[in-house]
Amino acid sequence: MNTYGLDIWSDDNFIIHQDEVLINYKSKPSLLEITNKIRSEDVRGPIILRFPHLIKKQINKLYNSFNASIKENNYKGNFQAVFPLKVNQFPFVVQAITNEGRAFSYGLEAGSKAELILAMSKSINNSPITVNGFKDKEMVMLAFIAKQSGHNITITIEGLGELRTIIELAKESSLKVPNIGLRVRLHSKGSGVWEKSAGMDAKFGLTATEILEATKLLRSANLLHKFTMIHFHIGSQMEDIAPIKRALREAGNIYAELKVLGCYMHSSSINIRWWT
């Protein structure tokens, strides 16, 4: 019998019984029966079937894996993940992610005004919201409004111009200032399809010189205490752990130097984007 590689890719989420693919959950419903029922109701394709229990399983697996490593290595901080809304904004998906991630305060990442508004409406338990992508003055103001509304929000700066916009709004507005993260442009590259999105030739991120300039701007504006995170990106769909180790060592050195310079970045948490 052809198992279509289920033993390789399904992670025991699907099984074959009497030549039918079953969902390996509770009553083990048949995918064929589900499809036939949908067709009998005159629904035509394409059709996407979603399984919220798999989101719960993956979130638990993610946090349990990191927490086990934290315990094994006697790390004194904690782990916090955020889901990039650009991956999937469908209501049922976002609702499942926020519901299943409630126990962990699983956060959301926004890359546009629409996504930030969605994140503000779905964020629970003071879970973190991070803001990436292009940021005009209106986008930055929306982040200020989110902070004023009580959200745990960090806006990630990808250029000195964005930082100057934050400083300008902090002077003009009486709203609370969101936490600030700096995207650093590492020398380290990743591997795989998105390797070219990292390294010194990457389009986004601050160089070492620009990071020093950013800390000076924050200190002169009395906002250095708002600098709480460094962010870096070395690619997606990584094929090897070695580039990740190199990037972490480089980022760790930058973090340590920034602490020496008097930055207030929290050392108690790891923040990671997770794609589902």
Protein backbone atom coordinates (compact mmCIF):
# COMPACT_ATOMS: atom_id res chain seq x y z
CA MET A 1 0.00 0.00 0.00
CA ASN A 2 1.29 3.46 -0.92
CA THR A 3 1.39 5.64 2.20
CA TYR A 4 2.40 8.78 0.24
CA GLY A 5 5.18 9.48 2.75
CA LEU A 6 2.82 10.02 5.69
CA ASP A 7 5.43 8.51 7.97
CA ILE A 8 7.81 11.29 6.88
CA TRP A 9 5.72 14.47 6.78
CA SER A 10 2.47 13.95 8.67
CA ASP A 11 3.91 13.97 12.23
CA ASP A 12 1.23 11.39 13.04
CA ASN A 13 -1.51 13.93 12.26
CA PHE A 14 -2.92 11.78 9.44
CA ILE A 15 -3.15 8.01 9.08
CA ILE A 16 -4.30 5.56 6.41
CA HIS A 17 -6.92 2.97 7.34
CA GLN A 18 -8.54 0.68 4.79
CA ASP A 19 -7.18 2.78 1.94
CA GLU A 20 -8.64 6.04 3.34
CA VAL A 21 -6.77 9.00 4.81
CA LEU A 22 -8.05 9.75 8.31
CA ILE A 23 -7.43 12.72 10.58
CA ASN A 24 -5.71 11.24 13.60
CA TYR A 25 -7.80 13.10 16.15
CA LYS A 26 -10.70 12.03 18.37
CA SER A 27 -13.17 10.09 16.14
CA LYS A 28 -10.61 9.98 13.28
CA PRO A 29 -12.85 11.40 10.53
CA SER A 30 -12.14 10.51 6.91
CA LEU A 31 -10.91 13.24 4.57
CA LEU A 32 -12.82 11.57 1.74
CA GLU A 33 -16.07 11.56 3.71
CA ILE A 34 -15.60 15.23 4.62
CA THR A 35 -14.96 16.11 0.97
CA ASN A 36 -17.96 14.11 -0.24
CA LYS A 37 -20.22 15.81 2.30
CA ILE A 38 -19.02 19.23 1.16
CA ARG A 39 -19.63 18.27 -2.47
CA SER A 40 -23.10 16.98 -1.64
CA GLU A 41 -23.94 20.49 -0.42
CA ASP A 42 -23.05 21.79 -3.89
CA VAL A 43 -19.87 23.51 -2.73
CA ARG A 44 -17.24 23.62 -5.46
CA GLY A 45 -13.49 23.95 -5.18
CA PRO A 46 -10.91 24.91 -4.45
CA ILE A 47 -11.43 23.95 -0.82
CA ILE A 48 -9.12 24.53 2.15
CA LEU A 49 -9.67 22.39 5.23
CA ARG A 50 -8.35 23.84 8.48
CA PHE A 51 -7.66 21.88 11.65
CA PRO A 52 -7.49 24.11 14.77
CA HIS A 53 -6.24 21.22 16.91
CA LEU A 54 -3.05 21.18 14.81
CA ILE A 55 -2.43 24.85 15.64
CA LYS A 56 -2.78 23.98 19.31
CA LYS A 57 -0.41 21.05 18.90
CA GLN A 58 2.22 23.17 17.14
CA ILE A 59 2.04 26.01 19.67
CA ASN A 60 2.46 23.55 22.53
CA LYS A 61 5.33 21.83 20.74
CA LEU A 62 7.06 25.17 20.10
CA TYR A 63 6.87 26.39 23.69
CA ASN A 64 7.60 23.00 25.24
CA SER A 65 10.73 22.62 23.11
CA PHE A 66 12.11 26.03 24.04
CA ASN A 67 11.15 25.67 27.70
CA ALA A 68 12.89 22.28 27.88
CA SER A 69 16.08 23.83 26.48
CA ILE A 70 15.78 26.76 28.87
CA LYS A 71 15.57 24.37 31.80
CA GLU A 72 18.36 22.14 30.50
CA ASN A 73 20.74 25.10 30.10
CA ASN A 74 19.63 26.90 33.27
CA TYR A 75 18.73 29.99 31.26
CA LYS A 76 17.34 32.71 33.52
CA GLY A 77 14.98 34.29 31.02
CA ASN A 78 11.96 33.09 29.11
CA PHE A 79 10.73 32.52 25.57
CA GLN A 80 8.09 34.51 23.70
CA ALA A 81 6.84 33.90 20.16
CA VAL A 82 4.86 36.10 17.77
CA PHE A 83 2.87 35.04 14.70
CA PRO A 84 3.38 37.21 11.56
CA LEU A 85 -0.10 38.18 10.40
CA LYS A 86 1.14 38.59 6.81
CA VAL A 87 1.28 34.79 6.63
CA ASN A 88 -2.46 34.35 7.10
CA GLN A 89 -5.09 36.93 8.08
CA PHE A 90 -8.15 34.68 7.69
CA PRO A 91 -10.43 35.20 10.73
CA PHE A 92 -10.71 31.52 11.65
CA VAL A 93 -6.93 31.11 11.59
CA VAL A 94 -6.17 34.21 13.66
CA GLN A 95 -8.93 33.31 16.12
CA ALA A 96 -7.57 29.78 16.51
CA ILE A 97 -4.03 31.08 17.03
CA THR A 98 -5.04 33.62 19.68
CA ASN A 99 -7.37 31.16 21.44
CA GLU A 100 -4.86 28.32 21.54
CA GLY A 101 -1.98 30.66 22.38
CA ARG A 102 -3.81 32.30 25.26
CA ALA A 103 -2.07 30.21 27.93
CA PHE A 104 1.34 31.30 26.61
CA SER A 105 0.48 34.94 25.81
CA TYR A 106 1.39 34.10 22.23
CA GLY A 107 1.86 37.38 20.37
CA LEU A 108 1.23 38.82 16.91
CA GLU A 109 3.41 40.63 14.40
CA ALA A 110 1.98 43.35 12.16
CA GLY A 111 3.51 44.67 8.96
CA SER A 112 0.86 47.15 7.86
CA LYS A 113 -1.78 49.47 9.32
CA ALA A 114 -4.53 46.94 8.65
CA GLU A 115 -2.55 44.17 10.34
CA LEU A 116 -1.77 46.39 13.34
CA ILE A 117 -5.45 47.19 13.80
CA LEU A 118 -6.19 43.45 13.57
CA ALA A 119 -3.47 42.70 16.13
CA MET A 120 -4.88 45.33 18.51
CA SER A 121 -8.34 43.79 18.24
CA LYS A 122 -7.15 40.20 18.78
CA SER A 123 -4.33 40.65 21.30
CA ILE A 124 -5.08 39.05 24.70
CA ASN A 125 -3.43 38.65 28.09
CA ASN A 126 -1.03 41.52 27.43
CA SER A 127 0.59 39.39 24.72
CA PRO A 128 3.26 41.20 22.70
CA ILE A 129 2.63 42.98 19.42
CA THR A 130 5.62 43.71 17.20
CA VAL A 131 5.49 46.06 14.23
CA ASN A 132 7.71 45.50 11.20
CA GLY A 133 7.67 46.66 7.61
CA PHE A 134 7.28 50.13 6.10
CA LYS A 135 6.29 52.78 8.65
CA ASP A 136 5.11 56.23 7.70
CA LYS A 137 4.10 58.80 10.28
CA GLU A 138 0.52 57.54 10.35
CA MET A 139 1.69 53.99 11.05
CA VAL A 140 3.94 55.17 13.88
CA MET A 141 1.08 57.19 15.36
CA LEU A 142 -1.09 54.08 15.32
CA ALA A 143 1.59 52.32 17.36
CA PHE A 144 1.49 55.22 19.85
CA ILE A 145 -2.29 54.80 20.09
CA ALA A 146 -1.87 51.07 20.70
CA LYS A 147 0.56 51.77 23.54
CA GLN A 148 -1.77 54.36 25.01
CA SER A 149 -4.56 51.76 24.86
CA GLY A 150 -2.55 49.43 27.06
CA HIS A 151 -1.02 47.09 24.47
CA ASN A 152 2.42 45.55 24.95
CA ILE A 153 3.77 46.87 21.65
CA THR A 154 7.26 47.18 20.19
CA ILE A 155 7.88 49.02 16.94
CA THR A 156 10.94 47.72 15.09
CA ILE A 157 13.04 50.40 13.40
CA GLU A 158 14.63 49.51 10.07
CA GLY A 159 16.20 52.91 9.35
CA LEU A 160 17.20 56.09 11.15
CA GLY A 161 14.40 57.99 9.39
CA GLU A 162 11.79 55.86 11.17
CA LEU A 163 13.51 56.50 14.50
CA ARG A 164 13.46 60.25 13.90
CA THR A 165 9.72 60.01 13.20
CA ILE A 166 9.19 58.32 16.58
CA ILE A 167 11.23 60.98 18.36
CA GLU A 168 9.30 63.70 16.56
CA LEU A 169 5.92 62.22 17.56
CA ALA A 170 7.10 61.69 21.14
CA LYS A 171 7.74 65.45 21.34
CA GLU A 172 4.50 66.44 19.61
CA SER A 173 2.12 64.00 21.28
CA SER A 174 1.04 63.36 24.85
CA LEU A 175 0.49 59.67 24.07
CA LYS A 176 2.62 56.94 25.62
CA VAL A 177 5.66 55.96 23.58
CA PRO A 178 5.80 52.32 22.40
CA ASN A 179 8.82 50.16 23.06
CA ILE A 180 11.47 50.42 20.36
CA GLY A 181 13.42 47.66 18.66
CA LEU A 182 16.28 48.07 16.20
CA ARG A 183 16.71 45.76 13.25
CA VAL A 184 20.41 45.07 12.91
CA ARG A 185 22.08 44.14 9.65
CA LEU A 186 24.27 41.19 10.52
CA HIS A 187 27.26 40.02 8.51
CA SER A 188 25.97 36.48 8.99
CA LYS A 189 23.78 35.01 6.27
CA GLY A 190 21.28 32.19 6.42
CA SER A 191 20.79 29.38 3.95
CA GLY A 192 18.12 28.26 1.54
CA VAL A 193 15.66 30.18 -0.60
CA TRP A 194 15.80 33.50 1.28
CA GLU A 195 19.54 33.65 1.93
CA LYS A 196 19.94 36.89 -0.05
CA SER A 197 17.57 38.73 2.33
CA ALA A 198 20.37 38.77 4.93
CA GLY A 199 24.00 39.86 5.12
CA MET A 200 25.59 43.26 4.61
CA ASP A 201 24.03 43.60 1.16
CA ALA A 202 20.52 43.23 2.59
CA LYS A 203 18.05 46.03 1.95
CA PHE A 204 16.86 46.46 5.54
CA GLY A 205 18.49 46.87 8.92
CA LEU A 206 20.99 49.18 10.59
CA THR A 207 24.74 48.87 10.27
CA ALA A 208 26.99 49.05 13.34
CA THR A 209 27.60 52.76 12.72
CA GLU A 210 23.87 53.43 12.38
CA ILE A 211 23.15 51.51 15.59
CA LEU A 212 25.55 53.79 17.47
CA GLU A 213 23.85 56.82 15.89
CA ALA A 214 20.45 55.44 16.91
CA THR A 215 21.51 55.08 20.56
CA LYS A 216 22.79 58.68 20.51
CA LEU A 217 19.47 59.91 19.11
CA LEU A 218 17.52 57.96 21.73
CA ARG A 219 19.72 59.20 24.57
CA SER A 220 19.42 62.84 23.48
CA ALA A 221 15.62 62.46 23.26
CA ASN A 222 15.51 60.80 26.70
CA LEU A 223 14.04 57.66 25.14
CA LEU A 224 16.90 55.22 25.63
CA HIS A 225 14.82 53.33 28.21
CA LYS A 226 12.35 52.53 25.43
CA PHE A 227 14.99 50.62 23.47
CA THR A 228 14.09 47.08 24.56
CA MET A 229 14.80 44.76 21.63
CA ILE A 230 17.21 43.97 18.82
CA HIS A 231 15.80 42.22 15.78
CA PHE A 232 17.54 40.44 12.93
CA HIS A 233 16.55 38.32 9.97
CA ILE A 234 18.85 35.85 8.21
CA GLY A 235 16.33 34.14 5.96
CA SER A 236 13.51 31.63 6.12
CA GLN A 237 13.24 27.87 5.54
CA MET A 238 16.66 27.29 7.05
CA GLU A 239 18.38 24.10 5.91
CA ASP A 240 21.27 24.10 8.39
CA ILE A 241 21.71 25.08 12.03
CA ALA A 242 25.26 26.41 11.57
CA PRO A 243 24.19 29.83 10.11
CA ILE A 244 21.74 30.24 12.99
CA LYS A 245 24.54 29.66 15.51
CA ARG A 246 26.77 32.21 13.76
CA ALA A 247 23.98 34.78 13.66
CA LEU A 248 23.17 34.27 17.34
CA ARG A 249 26.82 34.73 18.31
CA GLU A 250 27.04 37.93 16.29
CA ALA A 251 23.75 39.27 17.63
CA GLY A 252 24.82 38.33 21.16
CA ASN A 253 28.00 40.38 20.78
CA ILE A 254 25.99 43.37 19.57
CA TYR A 255 23.58 42.96 22.47
CA ALA A 256 26.43 42.83 24.99
CA GLU A 257 28.07 45.96 23.55
CA LEU A 258 24.79 47.85 23.64
CA LYS A 259 24.32 46.92 27.30
CA VAL A 260 27.80 48.30 28.01
CA LEU A 261 26.72 51.54 26.33
CA GLY A 262 23.88 51.81 28.86
CA CYS A 263 20.95 50.51 26.80
CA TYR A 264 18.04 49.11 28.81
CA MET A 265 17.26 46.12 26.62
CA HIS A 266 15.61 43.31 28.51
CA SER A 267 17.76 40.22 28.89
CA SER A 268 14.87 38.13 30.18
CA SER A 269 13.24 37.00 26.96
CA ILE A 270 13.79 35.59 23.51
CA ASN A 271 11.42 36.82 20.81
CA ILE A 272 10.89 34.71 17.70
CA ARG A 273 8.58 34.83 14.70
CA TRP A 274 6.78 31.57 14.06
CA TRP A 275 5.15 30.72 10.75
CA THR A 276 2.31 28.24 10.77
